[in-house]
Amino acid sequence: MENIKQLIYDGQTDEAIDRLNKYIELHPKDDEAWFLRGNAYRKKEDYRQALNNYLQAMELNPDSPAFQAHSMLMKILDYYNKDTYNP
């Protein structure tokens, strides 16, 4: 996971998402992977996918840091543009 975190930090989000897709396929109950994929999508400004991944992480682990990330992103979207995540 550290390599994936570094990819996200470095802005290589597509590579991170590809790796996380493969990892989640084999480990669908790993809430950290869902959270990290949410972070990658958030960095790409794909907020709908970010929120969906955070929700999945929270479903798997209510204490996941995805809860904070989801709340923060919702506040940002409510402030800036509600149409971004509500087609």
PDB file of N, CA and C in Angstrom:
ATOM      1  N   MET A   1       0.809  -1.196   0.000  1.00  0.00           N
ATOM      2  CA  MET A   1       0.000   0.000   0.000  1.00  0.00           C
ATOM      3  C   MET A   1       0.858   1.268   0.000  1.00  0.00           C
ATOM      4  N   GLU A   2       2.046   1.175   0.548  1.00  0.00           N
ATOM      5  CA  GLU A   2       2.904   2.364   0.588  1.00  0.00           C
ATOM      6  C   GLU A   2       3.255   2.834  -0.820  1.00  0.00           C
ATOM      7  N   ASN A   3       3.492   1.890  -1.724  1.00  0.00           N
ATOM      8  CA  ASN A   3       3.788   2.260  -3.119  1.00  0.00           C
ATOM      9  C   ASN A   3       2.609   2.976  -3.753  1.00  0.00           C
ATOM     10  N   ILE A   4       1.411   2.512  -3.459  1.00  0.00           N
ATOM     11  CA  ILE A   4       0.214   3.128  -4.015  1.00  0.00           C
ATOM     12  C   ILE A   4       0.023   4.523  -3.430  1.00  0.00           C
ATOM     13  N   LYS A   5       0.256   4.667  -2.140  1.00  0.00           N
ATOM     14  CA  LYS A   5       0.159   5.995  -1.515  1.00  0.00           C
ATOM     15  C   LYS A   5       1.132   6.961  -2.182  1.00  0.00           C
ATOM     16  N   GLN A   6       2.331   6.490  -2.484  1.00  0.00           N
ATOM     17  CA  GLN A   6       3.326   7.344  -3.124  1.00  0.00           C
ATOM     18  C   GLN A   6       2.898   7.714  -4.538  1.00  0.00           C
ATOM     19  N   LEU A   7       2.307   6.766  -5.265  1.00  0.00           N
ATOM     20  CA  LEU A   7       1.813   7.069  -6.608  1.00  0.00           C
ATOM     21  C   LEU A   7       0.764   8.174  -6.561  1.00  0.00           C
ATOM     22  N   ILE A   8      -0.149   8.073  -5.609  1.00  0.00           N
ATOM     23  CA  ILE A   8      -1.192   9.098  -5.475  1.00  0.00           C
ATOM     24  C   ILE A   8      -0.554  10.439  -5.137  1.00  0.00           C
ATOM     25  N   TYR A   9       0.360  10.429  -4.195  1.00  0.00           N
ATOM     26  CA  TYR A   9       1.045  11.653  -3.787  1.00  0.00           C
ATOM     27  C   TYR A   9       1.774  12.298  -4.967  1.00  0.00           C
ATOM     28  N   ASP A  10       2.385  11.464  -5.798  1.00  0.00           N
ATOM     29  CA  ASP A  10       3.137  11.951  -6.961  1.00  0.00           C
ATOM     30  C   ASP A  10       2.253  12.325  -8.143  1.00  0.00           C
ATOM     31  N   GLY A  11       0.942  12.144  -8.016  1.00  0.00           N
ATOM     32  CA  GLY A  11       0.023  12.498  -9.088  1.00  0.00           C
ATOM     33  C   GLY A  11      -0.143  11.430 -10.146  1.00  0.00           C
ATOM     34  N   GLN A  12       0.365  10.243  -9.903  1.00  0.00           N
ATOM     35  CA  GLN A  12       0.224   9.134 -10.848  1.00  0.00           C
ATOM     36  C   GLN A  12      -1.051   8.357 -10.505  1.00  0.00           C
ATOM     37  N   THR A  13      -2.160   9.058 -10.582  1.00  0.00           N
ATOM     38  CA  THR A  13      -3.424   8.497 -10.108  1.00  0.00           C
ATOM     39  C   THR A  13      -3.940   7.352 -10.967  1.00  0.00           C
ATOM     40  N   ASP A  14      -3.736   7.430 -12.272  1.00  0.00           N
ATOM     41  CA  ASP A  14      -4.215   6.336 -13.127  1.00  0.00           C
ATOM     42  C   ASP A  14      -3.512   5.028 -12.785  1.00  0.00           C
ATOM     43  N   GLU A  15      -2.216   5.095 -12.566  1.00  0.00           N
ATOM     44  CA  GLU A  15      -1.449   3.906 -12.183  1.00  0.00           C
ATOM     45  C   GLU A  15      -1.919   3.390 -10.828  1.00  0.00           C
ATOM     46  N   ALA A  16      -2.142   4.288  -9.892  1.00  0.00           N
ATOM     47  CA  ALA A  16      -2.618   3.895  -8.565  1.00  0.00           C
ATOM     48  C   ALA A  16      -3.979   3.223  -8.663  1.00  0.00           C
ATOM     49  N   ILE A  17      -4.877   3.792  -9.454  1.00  0.00           N
ATOM     50  CA  ILE A  17      -6.220   3.221  -9.610  1.00  0.00           C
ATOM     51  C   ILE A  17      -6.142   1.847 -10.259  1.00  0.00           C
ATOM     52  N   ASP A  18      -5.307   1.703 -11.273  1.00  0.00           N
ATOM     53  CA  ASP A  18      -5.147   0.391 -11.913  1.00  0.00           C
ATOM     54  C   ASP A  18      -4.688  -0.658 -10.898  1.00  0.00           C
ATOM     55  N   ARG A  19      -3.697  -0.311 -10.106  1.00  0.00           N
ATOM     56  CA  ARG A  19      -3.200  -1.258  -9.097  1.00  0.00           C
ATOM     57  C   ARG A  19      -4.257  -1.558  -8.036  1.00  0.00           C
ATOM     58  N   LEU A  20      -4.980  -0.524  -7.625  1.00  0.00           N
ATOM     59  CA  LEU A  20      -6.024  -0.732  -6.623  1.00  0.00           C
ATOM     60  C   LEU A  20      -7.175  -1.561  -7.177  1.00  0.00           C
ATOM     61  N   ASN A  21      -7.522  -1.374  -8.443  1.00  0.00           N
ATOM     62  CA  ASN A  21      -8.574  -2.190  -9.057  1.00  0.00           C
ATOM     63  C   ASN A  21      -8.209  -3.669  -8.963  1.00  0.00           C
ATOM     64  N   LYS A  22      -6.976  -3.977  -9.297  1.00  0.00           N
ATOM     65  CA  LYS A  22      -6.528  -5.376  -9.244  1.00  0.00           C
ATOM     66  C   LYS A  22      -6.515  -5.886  -7.804  1.00  0.00           C
ATOM     67  N   TYR A  23      -6.043  -5.056  -6.904  1.00  0.00           N
ATOM     68  CA  TYR A  23      -5.972  -5.460  -5.497  1.00  0.00           C
ATOM     69  C   TYR A  23      -7.376  -5.675  -4.913  1.00  0.00           C
ATOM     70  N   ILE A  24      -8.289  -4.757  -5.197  1.00  0.00           N
ATOM     71  CA  ILE A  24      -9.648  -4.860  -4.659  1.00  0.00           C
ATOM     72  C   ILE A  24     -10.372  -6.073  -5.230  1.00  0.00           C
ATOM     73  N   GLU A  25     -10.072  -6.413  -6.463  1.00  0.00           N
ATOM     74  CA  GLU A  25     -10.681  -7.604  -7.056  1.00  0.00           C
ATOM     75  C   GLU A  25     -10.333  -8.852  -6.231  1.00  0.00           C
ATOM     76  N   LEU A  26      -9.106  -8.901  -5.709  1.00  0.00           N
ATOM     77  CA  LEU A  26      -8.661 -10.042  -4.906  1.00  0.00           C
ATOM     78  C   LEU A  26      -8.985  -9.882  -3.418  1.00  0.00           C
ATOM     79  N   HIS A  27      -9.107  -8.635  -2.949  1.00  0.00           N
ATOM     80  CA  HIS A  27      -9.327  -8.348  -1.526  1.00  0.00           C
ATOM     81  C   HIS A  27     -10.469  -7.335  -1.376  1.00  0.00           C
ATOM     82  N   PRO A  28     -11.696  -7.713  -1.708  1.00  0.00           N
ATOM     83  CA  PRO A  28     -12.799  -6.740  -1.717  1.00  0.00           C
ATOM     84  C   PRO A  28     -13.186  -6.190  -0.345  1.00  0.00           C
ATOM     85  N   LYS A  29     -12.707  -6.780   0.712  1.00  0.00           N
ATOM     86  CA  LYS A  29     -13.073  -6.322   2.054  1.00  0.00           C
ATOM     87  C   LYS A  29     -11.987  -5.475   2.718  1.00  0.00           C
ATOM     88  N   ASP A  30     -11.004  -5.054   1.952  1.00  0.00           N
ATOM     89  CA  ASP A  30      -9.928  -4.223   2.477  1.00  0.00           C
ATOM     90  C   ASP A  30     -10.347  -2.760   2.399  1.00  0.00           C
ATOM     91  N   ASP A  31     -10.796  -2.221   3.520  1.00  0.00           N
ATOM     92  CA  ASP A  31     -11.312  -0.848   3.522  1.00  0.00           C
ATOM     93  C   ASP A  31     -10.233   0.173   3.167  1.00  0.00           C
ATOM     94  N   GLU A  32      -8.979  -0.095   3.516  1.00  0.00           N
ATOM     95  CA  GLU A  32      -7.912   0.852   3.189  1.00  0.00           C
ATOM     96  C   GLU A  32      -7.759   1.000   1.679  1.00  0.00           C
ATOM     97  N   ALA A  33      -7.903  -0.083   0.947  1.00  0.00           N
ATOM     98  CA  ALA A  33      -7.790  -0.026  -0.511  1.00  0.00           C
ATOM     99  C   ALA A  33      -8.907   0.836  -1.102  1.00  0.00           C
ATOM    100  N   TRP A  34     -10.112   0.682  -0.594  1.00  0.00           N
ATOM    101  CA  TRP A  34     -11.236   1.502  -1.060  1.00  0.00           C
ATOM    102  C   TRP A  34     -10.990   2.975  -0.739  1.00  0.00           C
ATOM    103  N   PHE A  35     -10.479   3.234   0.458  1.00  0.00           N
ATOM    104  CA  PHE A  35     -10.172   4.600   0.869  1.00  0.00           C
ATOM    105  C   PHE A  35      -9.102   5.216  -0.040  1.00  0.00           C
ATOM    106  N   LEU A  36      -8.058   4.464  -0.313  1.00  0.00           N
ATOM    107  CA  LEU A  36      -6.990   4.972  -1.172  1.00  0.00           C
ATOM    108  C   LEU A  36      -7.482   5.211  -2.598  1.00  0.00           C
ATOM    109  N   ARG A  37      -8.330   4.316  -3.079  1.00  0.00           N
ATOM    110  CA  ARG A  37      -8.871   4.524  -4.427  1.00  0.00           C
ATOM    111  C   ARG A  37      -9.740   5.782  -4.442  1.00  0.00           C
ATOM    112  N   GLY A  38     -10.471   6.011  -3.354  1.00  0.00           N
ATOM    113  CA  GLY A  38     -11.226   7.255  -3.241  1.00  0.00           C
ATOM    114  C   GLY A  38     -10.315   8.470  -3.297  1.00  0.00           C
ATOM    115  N   ASN A  39      -9.175   8.388  -2.608  1.00  0.00           N
ATOM    116  CA  ASN A  39      -8.217   9.491  -2.635  1.00  0.00           C
ATOM    117  C   ASN A  39      -7.677   9.733  -4.039  1.00  0.00           C
ATOM    118  N   ALA A  40      -7.402   8.650  -4.750  1.00  0.00           N
ATOM    119  CA  ALA A  40      -6.895   8.784  -6.120  1.00  0.00           C
ATOM    120  C   ALA A  40      -7.932   9.459  -7.013  1.00  0.00           C
ATOM    121  N   TYR A  41      -9.179   9.023  -6.898  1.00  0.00           N
ATOM    122  CA  TYR A  41     -10.233   9.657  -7.692  1.00  0.00           C
ATOM    123  C   TYR A  41     -10.439  11.117  -7.291  1.00  0.00           C
ATOM    124  N   ARG A  42     -10.332  11.408  -6.003  1.00  0.00           N
ATOM    125  CA  ARG A  42     -10.477  12.797  -5.554  1.00  0.00           C
ATOM    126  C   ARG A  42      -9.373  13.665  -6.161  1.00  0.00           C
ATOM    127  N   LYS A  43      -8.176  13.134  -6.200  1.00  0.00           N
ATOM    128  CA  LYS A  43      -7.057  13.892  -6.774  1.00  0.00           C
ATOM    129  C   LYS A  43      -7.270  14.121  -8.268  1.00  0.00           C
ATOM    130  N   LYS A  44      -7.946  13.186  -8.918  1.00  0.00           N
ATOM    131  CA  LYS A  44      -8.266  13.341 -10.347  1.00  0.00           C
ATOM    132  C   LYS A  44      -9.477  14.246 -10.559  1.00  0.00           C
ATOM    133  N   GLU A  45     -10.085  14.685  -9.462  1.00  0.00           N
ATOM    134  CA  GLU A  45     -11.297  15.499  -9.465  1.00  0.00           C
ATOM    135  C   GLU A  45     -12.502  14.734 -10.004  1.00  0.00           C
ATOM    136  N   ASP A  46     -12.496  13.420  -9.850  1.00  0.00           N
ATOM    137  CA  ASP A  46     -13.660  12.579 -10.157  1.00  0.00           C
ATOM    138  C   ASP A  46     -14.371  12.339  -8.829  1.00  0.00           C
ATOM    139  N   TYR A  47     -15.137  13.331  -8.433  1.00  0.00           N
ATOM    140  CA  TYR A  47     -15.707  13.342  -7.093  1.00  0.00           C
ATOM    141  C   TYR A  47     -16.774  12.268  -6.878  1.00  0.00           C
ATOM    142  N   ARG A  48     -17.501  11.953  -7.900  1.00  0.00           N
ATOM    143  CA  ARG A  48     -18.524  10.904  -7.769  1.00  0.00           C
ATOM    144  C   ARG A  48     -17.867   9.570  -7.410  1.00  0.00           C
ATOM    145  N   GLN A  49     -16.805   9.214  -8.140  1.00  0.00           N
ATOM    146  CA  GLN A  49     -16.102   7.964  -7.846  1.00  0.00           C
ATOM    147  C   GLN A  49     -15.432   8.013  -6.478  1.00  0.00           C
ATOM    148  N   ALA A  50     -14.898   9.166  -6.132  1.00  0.00           N
ATOM    149  CA  ALA A  50     -14.268   9.310  -4.814  1.00  0.00           C
ATOM    150  C   ALA A  50     -15.287   9.044  -3.717  1.00  0.00           C
ATOM    151  N   LEU A  51     -16.445   9.671  -3.813  1.00  0.00           N
ATOM    152  CA  LEU A  51     -17.480   9.483  -2.798  1.00  0.00           C
ATOM    153  C   LEU A  51     -17.930   8.034  -2.722  1.00  0.00           C
ATOM    154  N   ASN A  52     -18.119   7.397  -3.873  1.00  0.00           N
ATOM    155  CA  ASN A  52     -18.544   5.996  -3.885  1.00  0.00           C
ATOM    156  C   ASN A  52     -17.525   5.099  -3.194  1.00  0.00           C
ATOM    157  N   ASN A  53     -16.248   5.347  -3.446  1.00  0.00           N
ATOM    158  CA  ASN A  53     -15.200   4.541  -2.814  1.00  0.00           C
ATOM    159  C   ASN A  53     -15.132   4.804  -1.320  1.00  0.00           C
ATOM    160  N   TYR A  54     -15.284   6.046  -0.913  1.00  0.00           N
ATOM    161  CA  TYR A  54     -15.300   6.358   0.518  1.00  0.00           C
ATOM    162  C   TYR A  54     -16.482   5.673   1.205  1.00  0.00           C
ATOM    163  N   LEU A  55     -17.639   5.682   0.562  1.00  0.00           N
ATOM    164  CA  LEU A  55     -18.804   5.020   1.155  1.00  0.00           C
ATOM    165  C   LEU A  55     -18.567   3.526   1.331  1.00  0.00           C
ATOM    166  N   GLN A  56     -17.937   2.913   0.348  1.00  0.00           N
ATOM    167  CA  GLN A  56     -17.647   1.473   0.456  1.00  0.00           C
ATOM    168  C   GLN A  56     -16.667   1.210   1.603  1.00  0.00           C
ATOM    169  N   ALA A  57     -15.650   2.043   1.730  1.00  0.00           N
ATOM    170  CA  ALA A  57     -14.690   1.899   2.828  1.00  0.00           C
ATOM    171  C   ALA A  57     -15.391   2.049   4.168  1.00  0.00           C
ATOM    172  N   MET A  58     -16.304   3.010   4.268  1.00  0.00           N
ATOM    173  CA  MET A  58     -17.031   3.240   5.516  1.00  0.00           C
ATOM    174  C   MET A  58     -17.967   2.072   5.835  1.00  0.00           C
ATOM    175  N   GLU A  59     -18.537   1.465   4.807  1.00  0.00           N
ATOM    176  CA  GLU A  59     -19.409   0.308   5.024  1.00  0.00           C
ATOM    177  C   GLU A  59     -18.604  -0.863   5.591  1.00  0.00           C
ATOM    178  N   LEU A  60     -17.392  -1.032   5.095  1.00  0.00           N
ATOM    179  CA  LEU A  60     -16.540  -2.119   5.567  1.00  0.00           C
ATOM    180  C   LEU A  60     -15.961  -1.841   6.950  1.00  0.00           C
ATOM    181  N   ASN A  61     -15.680  -0.576   7.221  1.00  0.00           N
ATOM    182  CA  ASN A  61     -15.076  -0.192   8.496  1.00  0.00           C
ATOM    183  C   ASN A  61     -15.587   1.192   8.893  1.00  0.00           C
ATOM    184  N   PRO A  62     -16.549   1.249   9.798  1.00  0.00           N
ATOM    185  CA  PRO A  62     -17.096   2.552  10.198  1.00  0.00           C
ATOM    186  C   PRO A  62     -16.058   3.502  10.794  1.00  0.00           C
ATOM    187  N   ASP A  63     -14.928   2.979  11.251  1.00  0.00           N
ATOM    188  CA  ASP A  63     -13.868   3.824  11.810  1.00  0.00           C
ATOM    189  C   ASP A  63     -12.825   4.225  10.776  1.00  0.00           C
ATOM    190  N   SER A  64     -13.075   3.929   9.525  1.00  0.00           N
ATOM    191  CA  SER A  64     -12.138   4.237   8.451  1.00  0.00           C
ATOM    192  C   SER A  64     -11.919   5.746   8.339  1.00  0.00           C
ATOM    193  N   PRO A  65     -10.721   6.157   7.932  1.00  0.00           N
ATOM    194  CA  PRO A  65     -10.494   7.584   7.673  1.00  0.00           C
ATOM    195  C   PRO A  65     -11.339   8.089   6.496  1.00  0.00           C
ATOM    196  N   ALA A  66     -11.975   7.163   5.800  1.00  0.00           N
ATOM    197  CA  ALA A  66     -12.859   7.549   4.693  1.00  0.00           C
ATOM    198  C   ALA A  66     -14.023   8.404   5.197  1.00  0.00           C
ATOM    199  N   PHE A  67     -14.414   8.209   6.450  1.00  0.00           N
ATOM    200  CA  PHE A  67     -15.505   9.007   7.011  1.00  0.00           C
ATOM    201  C   PHE A  67     -15.142  10.493   6.978  1.00  0.00           C
ATOM    202  N   GLN A  68     -13.946  10.815   7.438  1.00  0.00           N
ATOM    203  CA  GLN A  68     -13.486  12.212   7.436  1.00  0.00           C
ATOM    204  C   GLN A  68     -13.342  12.734   6.003  1.00  0.00           C
ATOM    205  N   ALA A  69     -12.774  11.903   5.125  1.00  0.00           N
ATOM    206  CA  ALA A  69     -12.567  12.324   3.738  1.00  0.00           C
ATOM    207  C   ALA A  69     -13.903  12.568   3.042  1.00  0.00           C
ATOM    208  N   HIS A  70     -14.866  11.685   3.287  1.00  0.00           N
ATOM    209  CA  HIS A  70     -16.195  11.829   2.695  1.00  0.00           C
ATOM    210  C   HIS A  70     -16.854  13.116   3.191  1.00  0.00           C
ATOM    211  N   SER A  71     -16.803  13.344   4.489  1.00  0.00           N
ATOM    212  CA  SER A  71     -17.411  14.553   5.065  1.00  0.00           C
ATOM    213  C   SER A  71     -16.779  15.817   4.493  1.00  0.00           C
ATOM    214  N   MET A  72     -15.459  15.824   4.417  1.00  0.00           N
ATOM    215  CA  MET A  72     -14.747  16.979   3.884  1.00  0.00           C
ATOM    216  C   MET A  72     -15.138  17.246   2.436  1.00  0.00           C
ATOM    217  N   LEU A  73     -15.157  16.189   1.625  1.00  0.00           N
ATOM    218  CA  LEU A  73     -15.476  16.356   0.212  1.00  0.00           C
ATOM    219  C   LEU A  73     -16.919  16.821   0.033  1.00  0.00           C
ATOM    220  N   MET A  74     -17.829  16.317   0.832  1.00  0.00           N
ATOM    221  CA  MET A  74     -19.223  16.751   0.743  1.00  0.00           C
ATOM    222  C   MET A  74     -19.343  18.242   1.074  1.00  0.00           C
ATOM    223  N   LYS A  75     -18.628  18.694   2.083  1.00  0.00           N
ATOM    224  CA  LYS A  75     -18.667  20.118   2.436  1.00  0.00           C
ATOM    225  C   LYS A  75     -18.112  20.977   1.306  1.00  0.00           C
ATOM    226  N   ILE A  76     -17.031  20.524   0.708  1.00  0.00           N
ATOM    227  CA  ILE A  76     -16.449  21.270  -0.409  1.00  0.00           C
ATOM    228  C   ILE A  76     -17.420  21.334  -1.572  1.00  0.00           C
ATOM    229  N   LEU A  77     -18.014  20.205  -1.906  1.00  0.00           N
ATOM    230  CA  LEU A  77     -18.937  20.165  -3.041  1.00  0.00           C
ATOM    231  C   LEU A  77     -20.193  20.981  -2.760  1.00  0.00           C
ATOM    232  N   ASP A  78     -20.689  20.927  -1.549  1.00  0.00           N
ATOM    233  CA  ASP A  78     -21.861  21.730  -1.201  1.00  0.00           C
ATOM    234  C   ASP A  78     -21.559  23.213  -1.348  1.00  0.00           C
ATOM    235  N   TYR A  79     -20.357  23.589  -1.027  1.00  0.00           N
ATOM    236  CA  TYR A  79     -19.972  24.993  -1.111  1.00  0.00           C
ATOM    237  C   TYR A  79     -19.773  25.437  -2.555  1.00  0.00           C
ATOM    238  N   TYR A  80     -19.103  24.599  -3.358  1.00  0.00           N
ATOM    239  CA  TYR A  80     -18.729  25.011  -4.704  1.00  0.00           C
ATOM    240  C   TYR A  80     -19.764  24.718  -5.768  1.00  0.00           C
ATOM    241  N   ASN A  81     -20.179  23.456  -5.892  1.00  0.00           N
ATOM    242  CA  ASN A  81     -21.006  23.105  -7.029  1.00  0.00           C
ATOM    243  C   ASN A  81     -21.771  21.823  -6.768  1.00  0.00           C
ATOM    244  N   LYS A  82     -23.020  21.963  -6.442  1.00  0.00           N
ATOM    245  CA  LYS A  82     -23.835  20.786  -6.138  1.00  0.00           C
ATOM    246  C   LYS A  82     -24.041  19.897  -7.354  1.00  0.00           C
ATOM    247  N   ASP A  83     -23.993  20.450  -8.562  1.00  0.00           N
ATOM    248  CA  ASP A  83     -24.229  19.665  -9.770  1.00  0.00           C
ATOM    249  C   ASP A  83     -23.071  18.724 -10.094  1.00  0.00           C
ATOM    250  N   THR A  84     -21.933  18.872  -9.462  1.00  0.00           N
ATOM    251  CA  THR A  84     -20.783  18.033  -9.744  1.00  0.00           C
ATOM    252  C   THR A  84     -21.061  16.574  -9.403  1.00  0.00           C
ATOM    253  N   TYR A  85     -21.794  16.342  -8.348  1.00  0.00           N
ATOM    254  CA  TYR A  85     -22.041  14.966  -7.947  1.00  0.00           C
ATOM    255  C   TYR A  85     -23.500  14.559  -8.038  1.00  0.00           C
ATOM    256  N   ASN A  86     -24.362  15.414  -8.568  1.00  0.00           N
ATOM    257  CA  ASN A  86     -25.775  15.110  -8.743  1.00  0.00           C
ATOM    258  C   ASN A  86     -26.191  15.413 -10.189  1.00  0.00           C
ATOM    259  N   PRO A  87     -26.101  14.425 -11.053  1.00  0.00           N
ATOM    260  CA  PRO A  87     -26.419  14.709 -12.465  1.00  0.00           C
ATOM    261  C   PRO A  87     -27.894  15.012 -12.669  1.00  0.00           C
TER     262      PRO A  87
END
